[in-house]
Protein backbone atom coordinates (compact mmCIF):
# COMPACT_ATOMS: atom_id res chain seq x y z
CA MET A 1 0.00 0.00 0.00
CA LEU A 2 1.18 3.48 -0.81
CA PRO A 3 0.77 6.42 1.58
CA GLU A 4 -1.92 8.96 0.74
CA SER A 5 0.80 11.47 -0.04
CA LEU A 6 4.52 11.41 -0.61
CA GLY A 7 6.58 13.87 1.40
CA VAL A 8 10.26 14.71 1.20
CA GLY A 9 11.05 12.02 3.79
CA TRP A 10 9.61 9.25 1.62
CA LEU A 11 11.47 10.49 -1.45
CA PHE A 12 14.73 10.88 0.43
CA ALA A 13 14.35 7.32 1.73
CA TRP A 14 13.82 6.15 -1.85
CA LYS A 15 16.97 7.95 -2.99
CA ALA A 16 19.04 6.49 -0.14
CA THR A 17 17.73 2.96 -0.71
CA TYR A 18 18.34 3.25 -4.45
CA PHE A 19 21.95 4.34 -4.00
CA LEU A 20 22.81 1.85 -1.26
CA SER A 21 21.30 -1.03 -3.25
CA LEU A 22 23.26 0.01 -6.31
CA VAL A 23 26.56 0.24 -4.42
CA SER A 24 25.94 -3.13 -2.78
CA GLY A 25 25.14 -4.74 -6.11
CA LEU A 26 28.26 -3.33 -7.74
CA LEU A 27 30.46 -4.51 -4.86
CA ILE A 28 29.08 -8.01 -5.24
CA TRP A 29 28.94 -8.15 -9.02
CA GLY A 30 30.44 -5.23 -10.92
CA ASN A 31 30.97 -5.88 -14.60
CA LEU A 32 32.21 -2.66 -16.20
CA SER A 33 32.74 -2.90 -19.96
CA LEU A 34 36.44 -2.16 -20.48
CA GLU A 35 35.87 -2.06 -24.22
CA HIS A 36 33.49 0.90 -23.99
CA PHE A 37 35.54 2.56 -21.27
CA HIS A 38 38.63 2.74 -23.49
CA GLN A 39 36.77 3.51 -26.73
CA VAL A 40 34.88 6.64 -25.68
CA ASN A 41 36.52 10.08 -25.85
CA ALA A 42 35.48 11.07 -22.30
CA ARG A 43 35.93 8.80 -19.30
CA TRP A 44 36.44 8.94 -15.54
CA PRO A 45 39.17 8.95 -14.50
CA ARG A 46 40.56 10.48 -17.67
CA GLU A 47 43.87 8.65 -17.35
CA GLY A 48 44.59 5.04 -16.51
CA GLU A 49 42.27 2.15 -15.77
CA PRO A 50 38.71 2.41 -14.39
CA VAL A 51 38.09 2.55 -10.65
CA PHE A 52 34.97 1.84 -8.63
CA ALA A 53 33.80 5.45 -9.07
CA SER A 54 33.84 4.92 -12.85
CA HIS A 55 30.54 3.05 -12.52
CA PHE A 56 28.89 6.37 -11.61
CA ALA A 57 30.39 8.44 -14.45
CA THR A 58 29.67 6.50 -17.62
CA TRP A 59 28.69 7.95 -21.00
CA ASP A 60 27.48 11.59 -20.81
CA GLY A 61 28.42 11.85 -17.14
CA ALA A 62 32.11 11.78 -18.06
CA HIS A 63 31.58 14.59 -20.59
CA TYR A 64 29.93 16.78 -17.95
CA LEU A 65 32.78 16.09 -15.54
CA LEU A 66 35.28 17.07 -18.23
CA LEU A 67 33.43 20.30 -19.02
CA SER A 68 33.04 21.20 -15.34
CA GLU A 69 36.81 20.98 -14.86
CA GLN A 70 38.30 22.07 -18.19
CA GLY A 71 35.53 24.07 -19.84
CA TYR A 72 34.76 24.37 -23.55
CA ALA A 73 37.34 24.45 -26.33
CA LYS A 74 37.29 24.35 -30.10
CA ASP A 75 37.04 20.93 -31.82
CA VAL A 76 36.21 19.10 -28.59
CA PRO A 77 33.29 16.63 -28.99
CA SER A 78 32.06 17.48 -25.48
CA CYS A 79 30.98 20.90 -26.81
CA ALA A 80 27.81 19.16 -27.97
CA PHE A 81 26.61 19.29 -24.35
CA TYR A 82 24.92 22.42 -23.04
CA PRO A 83 26.74 24.54 -20.44
CA LEU A 84 24.35 25.21 -17.56
CA TRP A 85 24.81 21.86 -15.80
CA PRO A 86 28.65 21.81 -15.93
CA LEU A 87 28.72 25.48 -14.86
CA VAL A 88 26.58 24.66 -11.81
CA MET A 89 28.88 21.73 -11.02
CA ARG A 90 31.96 23.97 -11.29
CA ALA A 91 30.45 26.74 -9.16
CA THR A 92 29.55 24.35 -6.34
CA ALA A 93 32.68 22.16 -6.49
CA PRO A 94 34.29 23.83 -3.40
CA LEU A 95 31.30 22.67 -1.33
CA PHE A 96 32.34 19.07 -2.04
CA GLY A 97 36.06 19.39 -1.46
CA GLY A 98 36.73 19.97 -5.15
CA ASN A 99 35.51 16.48 -6.07
CA PRO A 100 33.30 16.96 -9.16
CA LEU A 101 32.03 13.38 -9.15
CA VAL A 102 30.66 13.55 -5.61
CA GLY A 103 29.37 17.07 -6.19
CA GLY A 104 27.63 16.09 -9.42
CA LEU A 105 25.92 13.09 -7.84
CA VAL A 106 24.71 15.09 -4.85
CA LEU A 107 23.48 17.99 -6.97
CA SER A 108 21.68 15.74 -9.42
CA ASN A 109 19.85 13.91 -6.66
CA LEU A 110 18.95 17.10 -4.80
CA ALA A 111 17.65 18.71 -8.00
CA SER A 112 15.54 15.70 -8.95
CA LEU A 113 14.25 15.40 -5.36
CA ALA A 114 13.10 19.03 -5.45
CA ALA A 115 11.61 18.56 -8.93
CA TRP A 116 9.63 15.50 -7.79
CA VAL A 117 8.21 17.37 -4.80
CA MET A 118 7.15 20.29 -7.02
CA PHE A 119 5.66 17.91 -9.59
CA TYR A 120 3.57 16.18 -6.93
CA ARG A 121 2.32 19.45 -5.44
CA LEU A 122 1.39 20.94 -8.81
CA VAL A 123 -0.47 17.82 -9.97
CA GLU A 124 -2.20 17.49 -6.59
CA ARG A 125 -3.50 21.04 -6.88
CA ARG A 126 -5.12 20.39 -10.25
CA TRP A 127 -6.16 16.72 -10.17
CA GLY A 128 -6.12 15.60 -6.54
CA LYS A 129 -3.86 13.61 -4.25
CA ARG A 130 -4.45 10.17 -5.70
CA SER A 131 -3.73 11.24 -9.28
CA ALA A 132 -0.64 13.14 -8.09
CA LEU A 133 0.61 10.16 -6.12
CA TRP A 134 0.39 7.74 -9.00
CA ALA A 135 1.75 10.26 -11.50
CA LEU A 136 4.82 10.67 -9.30
CA VAL A 137 5.21 6.92 -8.82
CA PHE A 138 5.09 6.38 -12.59
CA LEU A 139 7.66 9.16 -13.06
CA ILE A 140 10.07 7.74 -10.46
CA VAL A 141 9.82 4.10 -11.58
CA PHE A 142 9.92 4.94 -15.31
CA PRO A 143 13.04 3.27 -16.81
CA GLY A 144 14.47 6.50 -18.19
CA SER A 145 14.27 8.09 -14.75
CA LEU A 146 17.47 6.30 -13.78
CA PHE A 147 19.28 9.38 -15.11
CA PHE A 148 17.86 11.48 -12.28
CA GLN A 149 20.30 9.68 -9.98
CA PHE A 150 23.47 10.36 -12.00
CA ILE A 151 25.53 13.23 -13.41
CA TYR A 152 23.15 14.05 -16.23
CA SER A 153 21.32 17.29 -17.01
CA GLU A 154 17.87 15.69 -16.72
CA SER A 155 17.54 16.55 -13.02
CA LEU A 156 18.29 20.24 -13.50
CA PHE A 157 16.15 20.41 -16.63
CA LEU A 158 13.14 18.89 -14.86
CA LEU A 159 13.62 21.23 -11.91
CA LEU A 160 13.59 24.25 -14.24
CA LEU A 161 10.49 22.89 -15.98
CA MET A 162 8.69 22.50 -12.66
CA GLY A 163 9.84 25.96 -11.61
CA LEU A 164 8.45 27.42 -14.83
CA TRP A 165 5.16 25.53 -14.51
CA TRP A 166 4.76 26.68 -10.91
CA ALA A 167 5.59 30.28 -11.82
CA LEU A 168 3.05 30.29 -14.64
CA GLU A 169 0.37 28.84 -12.37
CA GLU A 170 1.11 31.45 -9.71
CA ARG A 171 1.71 34.27 -12.20
CA ARG A 172 5.17 34.86 -10.80
CA HIS A 173 6.48 36.37 -14.00
CA GLY A 174 9.95 37.11 -12.65
CA TRP A 175 10.59 33.49 -11.69
CA ALA A 176 9.02 32.32 -14.94
CA ALA A 177 11.42 34.55 -16.89
CA VAL A 178 14.44 33.12 -15.05
CA CYS A 179 13.43 29.50 -15.63
CA ALA A 180 12.44 30.08 -19.26
CA GLY A 181 15.74 31.84 -19.95
CA LEU A 182 17.84 29.08 -18.35
CA LEU A 183 16.13 26.12 -20.04
CA PRO A 184 17.92 26.59 -23.43
CA LEU A 185 21.24 26.71 -21.55
CA CYS A 186 20.47 23.32 -20.03
CA ARG A 187 19.15 21.39 -23.02
CA GLY A 188 18.68 22.31 -26.67
CA VAL A 189 14.96 21.52 -26.63
CA GLY A 190 14.60 24.26 -24.01
CA ALA A 191 14.56 26.81 -26.83
CA PHE A 192 11.24 25.38 -28.04
CA VAL A 193 9.57 26.28 -24.75
CA VAL A 194 8.46 29.36 -26.69
CA LEU A 195 5.54 27.21 -27.91
CA PRO A 196 3.92 26.38 -24.54
CA LEU A 197 4.71 29.90 -23.35
CA ALA A 198 2.89 31.31 -26.38
CA TRP A 199 -0.05 29.01 -25.66
CA HIS A 200 -0.07 30.22 -22.05
CA ALA A 201 -0.03 33.85 -23.19
CA LEU A 202 -2.94 33.24 -25.55
CA SER A 203 -4.86 31.56 -22.73
CA VAL A 204 -4.40 34.12 -19.97
CA ALA A 205 -3.82 37.35 -21.91
CA PRO A 206 -5.33 37.05 -25.39
CA PRO A 207 -5.07 40.11 -27.62
CA GLY A 208 -8.14 42.30 -27.67
CA TRP A 209 -9.25 41.09 -31.07
CA LEU A 210 -9.46 37.51 -29.74
CA LYS A 211 -11.66 38.36 -26.75
CA CYS A 212 -15.33 37.53 -26.88
CA GLY A 213 -16.47 41.10 -26.71
CA PRO A 214 -15.77 44.48 -25.12
CA SER A 215 -19.20 44.89 -23.56
CA GLY A 216 -21.75 42.89 -21.63
CA GLY A 217 -21.05 40.27 -19.00
CA GLU A 218 -18.00 38.80 -20.70
CA GLY A 219 -16.45 42.22 -21.13
CA ARG A 220 -16.94 43.00 -17.46
CA GLU A 221 -15.31 39.70 -16.49
CA ASP A 222 -12.33 40.58 -18.71
CA ALA A 223 -12.04 43.95 -16.96
CA LYS A 224 -12.13 42.31 -13.53
CA GLU A 225 -9.41 39.90 -14.62
CA ASP A 226 -7.30 42.80 -15.86
CA GLU A 227 -7.67 44.53 -12.50
CA ARG A 228 -6.74 41.34 -10.64
CA ARG A 229 -3.54 41.14 -12.68
CA GLY A 230 -2.71 44.70 -11.73
CA GLY A 231 -3.33 46.19 -15.15
CA GLU A 232 -5.77 48.82 -16.30
CA PRO A 233 -9.35 47.61 -16.71
CA GLY A 234 -9.79 46.49 -20.28
CA GLY A 235 -6.07 46.85 -20.97
CA GLN A 236 -3.69 44.27 -22.38
CA ASP A 237 -1.48 42.31 -19.95
CA TRP A 238 1.87 42.13 -21.69
CA ALA A 239 3.83 40.17 -19.05
CA PRO A 240 2.90 36.69 -20.41
CA TRP A 241 3.85 37.81 -23.91
CA LEU A 242 7.22 39.10 -22.76
CA LEU A 243 7.91 35.65 -21.31
CA VAL A 244 7.65 34.16 -24.79
CA GLY A 245 10.90 35.88 -25.70
CA MET A 246 12.88 34.56 -22.73
CA PRO A 247 13.85 31.17 -24.26
CA LEU A 248 15.09 33.04 -27.33
CA LEU A 249 17.12 35.32 -25.09
CA GLY A 250 18.55 32.27 -23.33
CA TRP A 251 19.42 30.75 -26.68
CA GLY A 252 21.21 33.93 -27.63
CA VAL A 253 23.20 33.79 -24.37
CA TYR A 254 24.17 30.20 -25.19
CA LEU A 255 25.49 31.22 -28.62
CA ALA A 256 27.38 34.16 -27.10
CA LEU A 257 29.01 31.92 -24.50
CA MET A 258 30.10 29.39 -27.11
CA TRP A 259 31.53 32.21 -29.21
CA HIS A 260 33.43 33.50 -26.19
CA TRP A 261 34.77 30.08 -25.21
CA THR A 262 35.53 28.56 -28.62
CA GLY A 263 35.52 31.41 -31.16
CA ASN A 264 32.53 29.85 -32.92
CA PRO A 265 28.93 30.43 -31.71
CA PHE A 266 27.87 27.25 -33.49
CA GLU A 267 30.60 25.03 -32.07
CA GLY A 268 27.95 22.95 -30.28
CA PHE A 269 26.26 22.13 -33.58
CA ALA A 270 29.60 21.24 -35.15
CA ALA A 271 30.31 18.91 -32.22
CA GLN A 272 26.94 17.20 -32.70
CA LYS A 273 28.23 15.91 -36.04
CA HIS A 274 30.59 13.65 -34.07
CA TRP A 275 27.59 11.52 -33.09
CA ALA A 276 25.64 12.16 -36.31
CA VAL A 277 22.28 11.70 -34.58
CA HIS A 278 20.38 14.84 -33.58
CA SER A 279 19.70 17.49 -36.19
CA VAL A 280 17.20 20.33 -36.47
CA ALA A 281 16.73 19.32 -40.12
CA ASN A 282 15.13 16.07 -38.92
CA LEU A 283 12.18 18.04 -37.52
CA TRP A 284 10.73 18.58 -40.99
CA ASN A 285 11.97 15.31 -42.51
CA VAL A 286 8.74 13.46 -41.73
CA PRO A 287 9.40 10.52 -44.11
CA LYS A 288 12.68 9.79 -42.31
CA PHE A 289 10.85 9.88 -38.98
CA VAL A 290 8.10 7.51 -40.12
CA ILE A 291 10.54 5.09 -41.75
CA GLY A 292 12.71 5.19 -38.65
CA PHE A 293 9.75 4.33 -36.45
CA PHE A 294 9.10 1.13 -38.39
CA SER A 295 12.79 0.17 -38.57
CA PRO A 296 13.95 -1.07 -35.16
CA THR A 297 17.13 -3.14 -35.25
CA GLU A 298 17.85 -3.94 -31.57
CA TRP A 299 15.75 -4.35 -28.43
CA HIS A 300 17.76 -1.42 -27.02
CA ALA A 301 20.82 0.24 -28.49
CA PHE A 302 22.22 3.63 -29.47
CA ARG A 303 20.31 3.43 -32.75
CA GLY A 304 17.31 1.36 -33.77
CA SER A 305 16.01 0.72 -30.24
CA LEU A 306 12.68 -1.10 -30.04
CA LEU A 307 12.31 0.08 -26.43
CA ASP A 308 12.61 3.74 -27.44
CA ARG A 309 9.85 3.23 -30.00
CA CYS A 310 7.59 1.46 -27.49
CA ILE A 311 7.96 4.38 -25.07
CA PHE A 312 7.03 6.73 -27.91
CA VAL A 313 3.86 4.69 -28.54
CA LEU A 314 3.01 5.03 -24.85
CA LEU A 315 3.37 8.80 -25.18
CA LEU A 316 1.02 8.78 -28.17
CA TYR A 317 -1.60 6.88 -26.16
CA THR A 318 -1.59 9.62 -23.52
CA LEU A 319 -2.21 12.46 -25.99
CA PRO A 320 -6.04 12.10 -26.09
CA VAL A 321 -6.06 12.16 -22.28
CA LEU A 322 -3.98 15.35 -22.27
CA TRP A 323 -6.38 16.90 -24.78
CA ARG A 324 -9.21 16.37 -22.31
CA LEU A 325 -7.26 17.39 -19.21
CA ASP A 326 -5.56 20.55 -20.44
CA LYS A 327 -4.67 21.37 -24.02
CA GLY A 328 -1.67 23.30 -22.76
CA LEU A 329 -0.19 20.00 -21.54
CA LEU A 330 -0.52 18.73 -25.09
CA VAL A 331 1.77 21.53 -26.27
CA TRP A 332 4.27 20.63 -23.54
CA ALA A 333 4.15 16.97 -24.61
CA TYR A 334 4.88 17.99 -28.19
CA VAL A 335 7.92 20.05 -27.19
CA LEU A 336 9.35 17.65 -24.60
CA GLY A 337 8.47 14.34 -26.23
CA ILE A 338 7.70 14.48 -29.92
CA LEU A 339 10.34 17.04 -30.96
CA PRO A 340 13.26 15.06 -29.37
CA ALA A 341 11.95 11.87 -30.96
CA MET A 342 11.97 13.53 -34.37
CA SER A 343 15.30 15.36 -34.04
CA GLY A 344 17.19 12.19 -33.13
CA THR A 345 14.97 9.58 -34.84
CA PHE A 346 14.20 8.04 -31.42
CA THR A 347 17.83 7.92 -30.23
CA SER A 348 17.91 8.14 -26.40
CA PHE A 349 14.15 8.61 -26.33
CA VAL A 350 13.73 6.62 -23.12
CA ARG A 351 15.91 9.27 -21.44
CA PHE A 352 14.24 12.28 -23.05
CA ALA A 353 10.82 10.90 -22.12
CA SER A 354 11.74 11.03 -18.43
CA CYS A 355 11.26 14.83 -18.60
CA THR A 356 8.00 14.63 -20.58
CA PHE A 357 5.99 15.30 -17.44
CA PRO A 358 2.53 15.50 -19.11
CA MET A 359 2.79 11.81 -20.01
CA PHE A 360 3.04 10.88 -16.32
CA ILE A 361 0.16 13.18 -15.42
CA ALA A 362 -2.03 11.38 -17.94
CA LEU A 363 -0.97 7.98 -16.59
CA GLY A 364 -1.63 9.06 -13.01
CA VAL A 365 -5.06 10.55 -13.74
CA VAL A 366 -6.31 7.56 -15.73
CA LEU A 367 -4.65 4.57 -14.05
CA ASN A 368 -5.34 5.62 -10.45
CA ARG A 369 -8.93 4.46 -10.92
CA ARG A 370 -9.89 1.13 -9.41
CA LYS A 371 -11.13 -0.35 -12.69
CA TRP A 372 -7.68 0.15 -14.21
CA ARG A 373 -5.72 -1.33 -11.27
CA TRP A 374 -4.43 -4.37 -13.19
CA TRP A 375 -3.19 -2.15 -16.02
CA ARG A 376 -1.66 0.16 -13.41
CA TYR A 377 0.27 -2.58 -11.64
CA GLY A 378 1.22 -4.25 -14.90
CA LEU A 379 2.70 -1.03 -16.26
CA LEU A 380 4.51 -0.36 -12.98
CA ALA A 381 5.97 -3.86 -12.98
CA SER A 382 7.15 -3.38 -16.56
CA PHE A 383 8.67 0.00 -15.70
CA ALA A 384 10.43 -1.43 -12.63
CA ALA A 385 11.89 -4.41 -14.52
CA LEU A 386 13.14 -2.22 -17.37
CA HIS A 387 14.52 0.33 -14.90
CA LEU A 388 16.50 -2.38 -13.14
CA VAL A 389 17.90 -3.70 -16.42
CA LEU A 390 18.80 -0.26 -17.77
CA VAL A 391 20.46 1.00 -14.59
CA TRP A 392 22.59 -2.13 -14.47
CA ARG A 393 23.59 -1.61 -18.09
CA PHE A 394 24.33 2.05 -17.42
CA VAL A 395 26.63 1.62 -14.43
CA ASN A 396 28.54 -1.10 -16.28
CA PHE A 397 29.08 1.06 -19.39
CA ARG A 398 26.51 -0.65 -21.60
CA TRP A 399 24.03 1.51 -23.50
CA ALA A 400 21.01 2.61 -21.48
CA GLY A 401 19.91 5.89 -23.05
């Protein structure tokens, strides 16, 4: 039985149990892939053979550790990774005795813990405790959520998303501007947050020509709403519309930083060619996307993953639910789920889906009902089994996402 609500204590206990179980398992049966360790261009430690700590810094984690210590430089493949997370790690390194690995692990877990708490509270406010509880459980157990425990940018990205969602709900435009501006510095898809922000602006502050009418009952309600927002009765509230430009401003800051560090504002795009996966051009290459969907080659691998495609199908099944719950969530699902699937032709989709928070809201709202309990427990069991398999692959330098 689950408690009626999940507080910080429960989530902290989950984090501690997760980490201790993982360490115990690795001490009993660690099986790090030496082949992958020596083949990749970023590893921890950077010189010599792997150590026990190498289990916690595989794949992208090693790139973030490199960037947090050495920064960005021209013709370095690690430039493909966005700077906010390594900058946070560098700024807080003295708090952890200068050990970036320990600092990164602590920060990632604290950020995801805070993001989970905010997610639960925001869903509870809109759809009740039971829906919020199960939405959070689905989010935590989801196989791609393993990356919330390691030195990946997912934890910080989700925290910024929750901060933005909270700020929009509360009309805290200053906080919303900060979160919206930082999202493109954390992950590339953060720049596309302009779409849900534009939807929000249309919903809460539509231009005058879109309002139902300047007179009568509806007009008076509009005037009251304008006064509540602190504007002139009948006037236009421009704050939500100004927020739409913040992700673009953040994107501009990212380009300026890359120019300053490497001499080329587009060095990150050039570095992406090293992996030859994600490309903005893929967003309008619909035939490639459709063909890629029907062309799995492995159950789970860097390319051609059947698991990534199954998770995408699950996302598609939640879209009608999101349409009924809140059409704004549908826009968020498009930006956070469908766009990454298209840009990388499903590569790493199980990881990207971990931040597609509307999907978990839909699962929590629908599957918390008694009549769906067998589907609920079946999906949770599937998530848990896949999570266990993927986290074991990840810490042993096999592909997980």
